[in-house]
Amino acid sequence: MEDDADWDINIKEQMQLVAPMLRALTNAPGRSHSPYGDAWDLLWLGHSGDPIDFGEGRFRAALDPTLPESTIYRHVYGGRSYYPPQLRVVHHSVAPLCTFAYAVTQAAALKMYAMSRGGQDDIITMTLRRWCTTGQLRCLTVNPELFHHHQKAGEVASQIAVVEGWHGRAAAPVRTYTPNIRYSARCNSNSTALVSCQGESTRPLGQINKTWG
């Protein structure tokens, strides 16, 4: 997990929803030592976008009331994805970007170490993506993501953007927020009331239109 990653305060319930979908997608046996199965190498839990593979046998989906009500999900550098409302999907990875949070199995970690011993010429995000798209790793993605990059008001949005000279993308945000996460753990850790800070504003729960019973 990257050190500026954020997640929803309902992360435990979200992982409990994702676990059986992972097991079903990978045909894990009914009884297993792992709640997430182990017929995969890399699981993208946090990313800045990955097209969903809706091919037969390539995904599993379930309604997730902890997701934002909006059907628009923001990417780190301004792009947008449009998904059905509050639908969580687990699918075979297509072209994931960013490594906000990911998991690897022990066997995959050994494989990745062996593939890296000669050195790599690219950033880790692109290297992992290449290994996934070429079949060197068996990769699965959770969409929308469970972890996302947290934006702190007044602080540089991305050190990578600074290094690369992407000044527009490095600009400090006016407000603190975390895209695509309904009830940010970071925002709520400093609040006396439950807040949602999905965009460039922070709203108390009482100002959110939908009331959960």
C-alpha atoms as a PDB file:
ATOM      1  CA  MET A   1       0.000   0.000   0.000  1.00  0.00           C
ATOM      2  CA  GLU A   2       1.241   3.494  -0.839  1.00  0.00           C
ATOM      3  CA  ASP A   3       1.677   5.783   2.147  1.00  0.00           C
ATOM      4  CA  ASP A   4      -0.920   8.309   0.955  1.00  0.00           C
ATOM      5  CA  ALA A   5      -3.620   5.734   0.190  1.00  0.00           C
ATOM      6  CA  ASP A   6      -7.090   6.096   1.685  1.00  0.00           C
ATOM      7  CA  TRP A   7     -10.027   3.725   2.104  1.00  0.00           C
ATOM      8  CA  ASP A   8     -13.631   3.674   3.265  1.00  0.00           C
ATOM      9  CA  ILE A   9     -14.466   3.268   6.950  1.00  0.00           C
ATOM     10  CA  ASN A  10     -16.459   0.195   5.827  1.00  0.00           C
ATOM     11  CA  ILE A  11     -13.385  -1.542   4.383  1.00  0.00           C
ATOM     12  CA  LYS A  12     -13.964  -4.721   6.420  1.00  0.00           C
ATOM     13  CA  GLU A  13     -17.491  -5.142   5.047  1.00  0.00           C
ATOM     14  CA  GLN A  14     -16.229  -4.344   1.548  1.00  0.00           C
ATOM     15  CA  MET A  15     -13.558  -7.042   1.731  1.00  0.00           C
ATOM     16  CA  GLN A  16     -16.156  -9.511   3.011  1.00  0.00           C
ATOM     17  CA  LEU A  17     -18.211  -8.749  -0.104  1.00  0.00           C
ATOM     18  CA  VAL A  18     -15.230  -9.071  -2.440  1.00  0.00           C
ATOM     19  CA  ALA A  19     -13.898 -12.346  -0.988  1.00  0.00           C
ATOM     20  CA  PRO A  20     -16.632 -14.719  -2.285  1.00  0.00           C
ATOM     21  CA  MET A  21     -16.551 -13.017  -5.691  1.00  0.00           C
ATOM     22  CA  LEU A  22     -12.818 -13.685  -5.921  1.00  0.00           C
ATOM     23  CA  ARG A  23     -13.324 -17.298  -4.938  1.00  0.00           C
ATOM     24  CA  ALA A  24     -16.128 -17.747  -7.474  1.00  0.00           C
ATOM     25  CA  LEU A  25     -14.156 -16.088 -10.275  1.00  0.00           C
ATOM     26  CA  THR A  26     -11.143 -18.348  -9.695  1.00  0.00           C
ATOM     27  CA  ASN A  27     -13.188 -21.504  -9.014  1.00  0.00           C
ATOM     28  CA  ALA A  28     -11.727 -21.867  -5.532  1.00  0.00           C
ATOM     29  CA  PRO A  29     -12.807 -25.038  -3.677  1.00  0.00           C
ATOM     30  CA  GLY A  30     -15.619 -24.799  -1.148  1.00  0.00           C
ATOM     31  CA  ARG A  31     -13.212 -25.284   1.733  1.00  0.00           C
ATOM     32  CA  SER A  32      -9.945 -23.391   1.540  1.00  0.00           C
ATOM     33  CA  HIS A  33      -7.315 -21.899   3.838  1.00  0.00           C
ATOM     34  CA  SER A  34      -7.738 -18.518   2.135  1.00  0.00           C
ATOM     35  CA  PRO A  35     -10.975 -16.474   2.159  1.00  0.00           C
ATOM     36  CA  TYR A  36      -9.823 -14.872  -1.117  1.00  0.00           C
ATOM     37  CA  GLY A  37      -8.681 -18.054  -2.826  1.00  0.00           C
ATOM     38  CA  ASP A  38      -5.140 -18.376  -4.121  1.00  0.00           C
ATOM     39  CA  ALA A  39      -5.560 -19.058  -7.849  1.00  0.00           C
ATOM     40  CA  TRP A  40      -4.196 -15.612  -8.700  1.00  0.00           C
ATOM     41  CA  ASP A  41      -0.857 -13.825  -8.478  1.00  0.00           C
ATOM     42  CA  LEU A  42      -1.660 -10.127  -8.104  1.00  0.00           C
ATOM     43  CA  LEU A  43      -4.845  -8.472  -6.883  1.00  0.00           C
ATOM     44  CA  TRP A  44      -5.296  -4.773  -7.731  1.00  0.00           C
ATOM     45  CA  LEU A  45      -7.217  -3.385  -4.740  1.00  0.00           C
ATOM     46  CA  GLY A  46      -6.321   0.255  -5.372  1.00  0.00           C
ATOM     47  CA  HIS A  47      -5.764   1.784  -8.816  1.00  0.00           C
ATOM     48  CA  SER A  48      -6.590   4.789 -10.978  1.00  0.00           C
ATOM     49  CA  GLY A  49      -8.623   2.892 -13.533  1.00  0.00           C
ATOM     50  CA  ASP A  50      -8.902  -0.458 -15.298  1.00  0.00           C
ATOM     51  CA  PRO A  51     -11.468  -1.262 -18.026  1.00  0.00           C
ATOM     52  CA  ILE A  52     -13.865  -3.983 -16.878  1.00  0.00           C
ATOM     53  CA  ASP A  53     -13.763  -7.249 -18.801  1.00  0.00           C
ATOM     54  CA  PHE A  54     -17.442  -8.224 -19.068  1.00  0.00           C
ATOM     55  CA  GLY A  55     -16.693 -11.360 -21.092  1.00  0.00           C
ATOM     56  CA  GLU A  56     -18.328 -14.635 -20.088  1.00  0.00           C
ATOM     57  CA  GLY A  57     -16.622 -16.075 -17.022  1.00  0.00           C
ATOM     58  CA  ARG A  58     -14.345 -13.044 -16.736  1.00  0.00           C
ATOM     59  CA  PHE A  59     -16.075 -11.168 -13.898  1.00  0.00           C
ATOM     60  CA  ARG A  60     -18.314 -11.352 -10.845  1.00  0.00           C
ATOM     61  CA  ALA A  61     -20.448  -8.499  -9.514  1.00  0.00           C
ATOM     62  CA  ALA A  62     -22.531  -7.607  -6.474  1.00  0.00           C
ATOM     63  CA  LEU A  63     -24.382  -4.570  -5.163  1.00  0.00           C
ATOM     64  CA  ASP A  64     -22.365  -2.636  -2.589  1.00  0.00           C
ATOM     65  CA  PRO A  65     -24.303   0.010  -0.617  1.00  0.00           C
ATOM     66  CA  THR A  66     -21.028   1.421   0.756  1.00  0.00           C
ATOM     67  CA  LEU A  67     -20.071   2.743  -2.691  1.00  0.00           C
ATOM     68  CA  PRO A  68     -20.688   6.382  -3.661  1.00  0.00           C
ATOM     69  CA  GLU A  69     -24.106   7.062  -5.147  1.00  0.00           C
ATOM     70  CA  SER A  70     -22.547   8.681  -8.207  1.00  0.00           C
ATOM     71  CA  THR A  71     -21.958   6.510 -11.276  1.00  0.00           C
ATOM     72  CA  ILE A  72     -18.933   8.610 -12.276  1.00  0.00           C
ATOM     73  CA  TYR A  73     -15.514   7.566 -10.980  1.00  0.00           C
ATOM     74  CA  ARG A  74     -12.515   9.852 -11.274  1.00  0.00           C
ATOM     75  CA  HIS A  75      -9.060   8.826 -12.387  1.00  0.00           C
ATOM     76  CA  VAL A  76      -5.946  10.468 -10.953  1.00  0.00           C
ATOM     77  CA  TYR A  77      -5.177  12.552 -14.038  1.00  0.00           C
ATOM     78  CA  GLY A  78      -8.618  13.777 -14.993  1.00  0.00           C
ATOM     79  CA  GLY A  79     -10.192  10.793 -16.777  1.00  0.00           C
ATOM     80  CA  ARG A  80     -13.618   9.361 -15.930  1.00  0.00           C
ATOM     81  CA  SER A  81     -15.179   5.904 -15.767  1.00  0.00           C
ATOM     82  CA  TYR A  82     -18.937   5.273 -15.724  1.00  0.00           C
ATOM     83  CA  TYR A  83     -20.274   2.241 -13.852  1.00  0.00           C
ATOM     84  CA  PRO A  84     -23.759   1.096 -12.799  1.00  0.00           C
ATOM     85  CA  PRO A  85     -24.703   2.663  -9.443  1.00  0.00           C
ATOM     86  CA  GLN A  86     -23.211   0.950  -6.379  1.00  0.00           C
ATOM     87  CA  LEU A  87     -22.049  -2.112  -8.314  1.00  0.00           C
ATOM     88  CA  ARG A  88     -18.798  -3.700  -7.162  1.00  0.00           C
ATOM     89  CA  VAL A  89     -17.042  -5.857  -9.760  1.00  0.00           C
ATOM     90  CA  VAL A  90     -14.142  -8.295  -9.576  1.00  0.00           C
ATOM     91  CA  HIS A  91     -12.661  -9.128 -12.978  1.00  0.00           C
ATOM     92  CA  HIS A  92      -9.570 -10.296 -14.792  1.00  0.00           C
ATOM     93  CA  SER A  93      -7.253  -7.313 -15.157  1.00  0.00           C
ATOM     94  CA  VAL A  94      -7.186  -5.562 -18.533  1.00  0.00           C
ATOM     95  CA  ALA A  95      -4.911  -2.508 -18.272  1.00  0.00           C
ATOM     96  CA  PRO A  96      -4.682  -1.321 -14.652  1.00  0.00           C
ATOM     97  CA  LEU A  97      -2.736   1.783 -13.680  1.00  0.00           C
ATOM     98  CA  CYS A  98      -1.364   3.003 -10.329  1.00  0.00           C
ATOM     99  CA  THR A  99      -0.482   0.890  -7.335  1.00  0.00           C
ATOM    100  CA  PHE A 100      -2.370   2.542  -4.476  1.00  0.00           C
ATOM    101  CA  ALA A 101      -2.789  -0.911  -2.926  1.00  0.00           C
ATOM    102  CA  TYR A 102      -2.288  -4.438  -4.202  1.00  0.00           C
ATOM    103  CA  ALA A 103      -1.813  -7.936  -2.863  1.00  0.00           C
ATOM    104  CA  VAL A 104       0.437 -10.738  -4.070  1.00  0.00           C
ATOM    105  CA  THR A 105       0.562 -14.373  -3.069  1.00  0.00           C
ATOM    106  CA  GLN A 106       3.750 -15.854  -1.657  1.00  0.00           C
ATOM    107  CA  ALA A 107       4.310 -17.848  -4.841  1.00  0.00           C
ATOM    108  CA  ALA A 108       3.819 -14.703  -6.936  1.00  0.00           C
ATOM    109  CA  ALA A 109       6.251 -12.736  -4.775  1.00  0.00           C
ATOM    110  CA  LEU A 110       8.951 -15.311  -5.503  1.00  0.00           C
ATOM    111  CA  LYS A 111       8.099 -15.178  -9.213  1.00  0.00           C
ATOM    112  CA  MET A 112       8.261 -11.374  -9.248  1.00  0.00           C
ATOM    113  CA  TYR A 113      11.604 -11.428  -7.478  1.00  0.00           C
ATOM    114  CA  ALA A 114      12.994 -13.815 -10.091  1.00  0.00           C
ATOM    115  CA  MET A 115      11.676 -11.670 -12.967  1.00  0.00           C
ATOM    116  CA  SER A 116      13.200  -8.532 -11.419  1.00  0.00           C
ATOM    117  CA  ARG A 117      16.694  -9.816 -10.727  1.00  0.00           C
ATOM    118  CA  GLY A 118      18.054  -8.490 -14.013  1.00  0.00           C
ATOM    119  CA  GLY A 119      16.667  -5.024 -13.282  1.00  0.00           C
ATOM    120  CA  GLN A 120      13.671  -3.167 -14.702  1.00  0.00           C
ATOM    121  CA  ASP A 121      13.690  -0.033 -16.868  1.00  0.00           C
ATOM    122  CA  ASP A 122      10.158   1.148 -16.088  1.00  0.00           C
ATOM    123  CA  ILE A 123       8.234   2.407 -13.065  1.00  0.00           C
ATOM    124  CA  ILE A 124       6.604  -0.264 -10.921  1.00  0.00           C
ATOM    125  CA  THR A 125       3.084   0.530 -12.138  1.00  0.00           C
ATOM    126  CA  MET A 126       3.998  -0.098 -15.768  1.00  0.00           C
ATOM    127  CA  THR A 127       6.089  -3.162 -14.936  1.00  0.00           C
ATOM    128  CA  LEU A 128       3.249  -4.811 -13.014  1.00  0.00           C
ATOM    129  CA  ARG A 129       0.785  -3.843 -15.739  1.00  0.00           C
ATOM    130  CA  ARG A 130       3.029  -5.430 -18.388  1.00  0.00           C
ATOM    131  CA  TRP A 131       3.374  -8.633 -16.412  1.00  0.00           C
ATOM    132  CA  CYS A 132      -0.409  -8.754 -16.096  1.00  0.00           C
ATOM    133  CA  THR A 133      -1.235  -8.024 -19.739  1.00  0.00           C
ATOM    134  CA  THR A 134       1.364 -10.469 -21.078  1.00  0.00           C
ATOM    135  CA  GLY A 135       0.183 -13.287 -18.834  1.00  0.00           C
ATOM    136  CA  GLN A 136       3.361 -13.494 -16.786  1.00  0.00           C
ATOM    137  CA  LEU A 137       1.172 -12.886 -13.757  1.00  0.00           C
ATOM    138  CA  ARG A 138      -2.442 -13.907 -13.180  1.00  0.00           C
ATOM    139  CA  CYS A 139      -4.043 -10.605 -12.218  1.00  0.00           C
ATOM    140  CA  LEU A 140      -7.467  -9.643 -10.890  1.00  0.00           C
ATOM    141  CA  THR A 141      -8.922  -6.176 -10.316  1.00  0.00           C
ATOM    142  CA  VAL A 142     -11.547  -4.850  -7.913  1.00  0.00           C
ATOM    143  CA  ASN A 143     -13.657  -2.142  -9.590  1.00  0.00           C
ATOM    144  CA  PRO A 144     -14.384   0.468  -8.397  1.00  0.00           C
ATOM    145  CA  GLU A 145     -11.187   0.420  -6.382  1.00  0.00           C
ATOM    146  CA  LEU A 146     -11.140  -0.081  -2.607  1.00  0.00           C
ATOM    147  CA  PHE A 147      -8.146   2.223  -2.059  1.00  0.00           C
ATOM    148  CA  HIS A 148      -7.373   5.571  -3.667  1.00  0.00           C
ATOM    149  CA  HIS A 149      -4.801   8.361  -3.490  1.00  0.00           C
ATOM    150  CA  HIS A 150      -5.702  10.922  -0.795  1.00  0.00           C
ATOM    151  CA  GLN A 151      -5.436  14.606  -1.713  1.00  0.00           C
ATOM    152  CA  LYS A 152      -4.446  16.963   1.109  1.00  0.00           C
ATOM    153  CA  ALA A 153      -5.377  20.636   0.845  1.00  0.00           C
ATOM    154  CA  GLY A 154      -2.385  22.857   0.157  1.00  0.00           C
ATOM    155  CA  GLU A 155       0.017  19.979  -0.493  1.00  0.00           C
ATOM    156  CA  VAL A 156       1.523  18.892  -3.810  1.00  0.00           C
ATOM    157  CA  ALA A 157      -0.927  16.469  -5.389  1.00  0.00           C
ATOM    158  CA  SER A 158       1.724  14.104  -6.781  1.00  0.00           C
ATOM    159  CA  GLN A 159       5.472  13.895  -6.276  1.00  0.00           C
ATOM    160  CA  ILE A 160       5.655  11.807  -9.459  1.00  0.00           C
ATOM    161  CA  ALA A 161       4.064  14.671 -11.391  1.00  0.00           C
ATOM    162  CA  VAL A 162       6.685  17.035  -9.954  1.00  0.00           C
ATOM    163  CA  VAL A 163       9.554  14.774 -11.030  1.00  0.00           C
ATOM    164  CA  GLU A 164       8.071  14.303 -14.498  1.00  0.00           C
ATOM    165  CA  GLY A 165       7.371  18.022 -14.929  1.00  0.00           C
ATOM    166  CA  TRP A 166       3.587  17.616 -15.101  1.00  0.00           C
ATOM    167  CA  HIS A 167       2.968  20.895 -13.305  1.00  0.00           C
ATOM    168  CA  GLY A 168      -0.772  21.008 -13.915  1.00  0.00           C
ATOM    169  CA  ARG A 169      -1.191  17.569 -12.365  1.00  0.00           C
ATOM    170  CA  ALA A 170       1.009  18.454  -9.389  1.00  0.00           C
ATOM    171  CA  ALA A 171      -1.013  21.520  -8.378  1.00  0.00           C
ATOM    172  CA  ALA A 172      -2.086  21.492  -4.733  1.00  0.00           C
ATOM    173  CA  PRO A 173      -5.861  21.073  -4.234  1.00  0.00           C
ATOM    174  CA  VAL A 174      -7.867  23.738  -2.428  1.00  0.00           C
ATOM    175  CA  ARG A 175      -9.700  21.204  -0.247  1.00  0.00           C
ATOM    176  CA  THR A 176      -8.850  17.827   1.249  1.00  0.00           C
ATOM    177  CA  TYR A 177     -10.583  14.930  -0.505  1.00  0.00           C
ATOM    178  CA  THR A 178     -10.339  11.338  -1.715  1.00  0.00           C
ATOM    179  CA  PRO A 179     -11.997  10.479  -5.048  1.00  0.00           C
ATOM    180  CA  ASN A 180     -14.286   7.448  -5.341  1.00  0.00           C
ATOM    181  CA  ILE A 181     -14.329   6.665  -1.605  1.00  0.00           C
ATOM    182  CA  ARG A 182     -17.653   7.397   0.076  1.00  0.00           C
ATOM    183  CA  TYR A 183     -16.636   7.745   3.720  1.00  0.00           C
ATOM    184  CA  SER A 184     -12.898   8.353   3.742  1.00  0.00           C
ATOM    185  CA  ALA A 185     -11.032   6.961   6.753  1.00  0.00           C
ATOM    186  CA  ARG A 186      -8.576   9.861   6.600  1.00  0.00           C
ATOM    187  CA  CYS A 187     -11.244  12.561   6.426  1.00  0.00           C
ATOM    188  CA  ASN A 188     -13.272  10.973   9.209  1.00  0.00           C
ATOM    189  CA  SER A 189     -10.246  10.521  11.457  1.00  0.00           C
ATOM    190  CA  ASN A 190     -10.204  14.311  11.910  1.00  0.00           C
ATOM    191  CA  SER A 191     -13.957  14.875  12.104  1.00  0.00           C
ATOM    192  CA  THR A 192     -16.418  14.777  14.992  1.00  0.00           C
ATOM    193  CA  ALA A 193     -19.248  13.911  12.569  1.00  0.00           C
ATOM    194  CA  LEU A 194     -19.420  11.399   9.744  1.00  0.00           C
ATOM    195  CA  VAL A 195     -18.394  13.168   6.529  1.00  0.00           C
ATOM    196  CA  SER A 196     -18.061  12.349   2.852  1.00  0.00           C
ATOM    197  CA  CYS A 197     -15.144  13.974   1.010  1.00  0.00           C
ATOM    198  CA  GLN A 198     -15.284  12.300  -2.407  1.00  0.00           C
ATOM    199  CA  GLY A 199     -14.704  15.469  -4.404  1.00  0.00           C
ATOM    200  CA  GLU A 200     -13.174  18.837  -3.751  1.00  0.00           C
ATOM    201  CA  SER A 201     -15.544  19.502  -0.866  1.00  0.00           C
ATOM    202  CA  THR A 202     -16.342  17.914   2.472  1.00  0.00           C
ATOM    203  CA  ARG A 203     -20.001  17.484   3.395  1.00  0.00           C
ATOM    204  CA  PRO A 204     -21.468  16.452   6.773  1.00  0.00           C
ATOM    205  CA  LEU A 205     -23.662  13.356   6.588  1.00  0.00           C
ATOM    206  CA  GLY A 206     -26.798  15.451   7.094  1.00  0.00           C
ATOM    207  CA  GLN A 207     -26.178  17.161   3.740  1.00  0.00           C
ATOM    208  CA  ILE A 208     -26.039  13.902   1.787  1.00  0.00           C
ATOM    209  CA  ASN A 209     -29.297  13.322  -0.063  1.00  0.00           C
ATOM    210  CA  LYS A 210     -29.815   9.625   0.582  1.00  0.00           C
ATOM    211  CA  THR A 211     -30.580   8.414   4.086  1.00  0.00           C
ATOM    212  CA  TRP A 212     -29.682   4.834   4.961  1.00  0.00           C
ATOM    213  CA  GLY A 213     -32.115   2.903   7.136  1.00  0.00           C
END
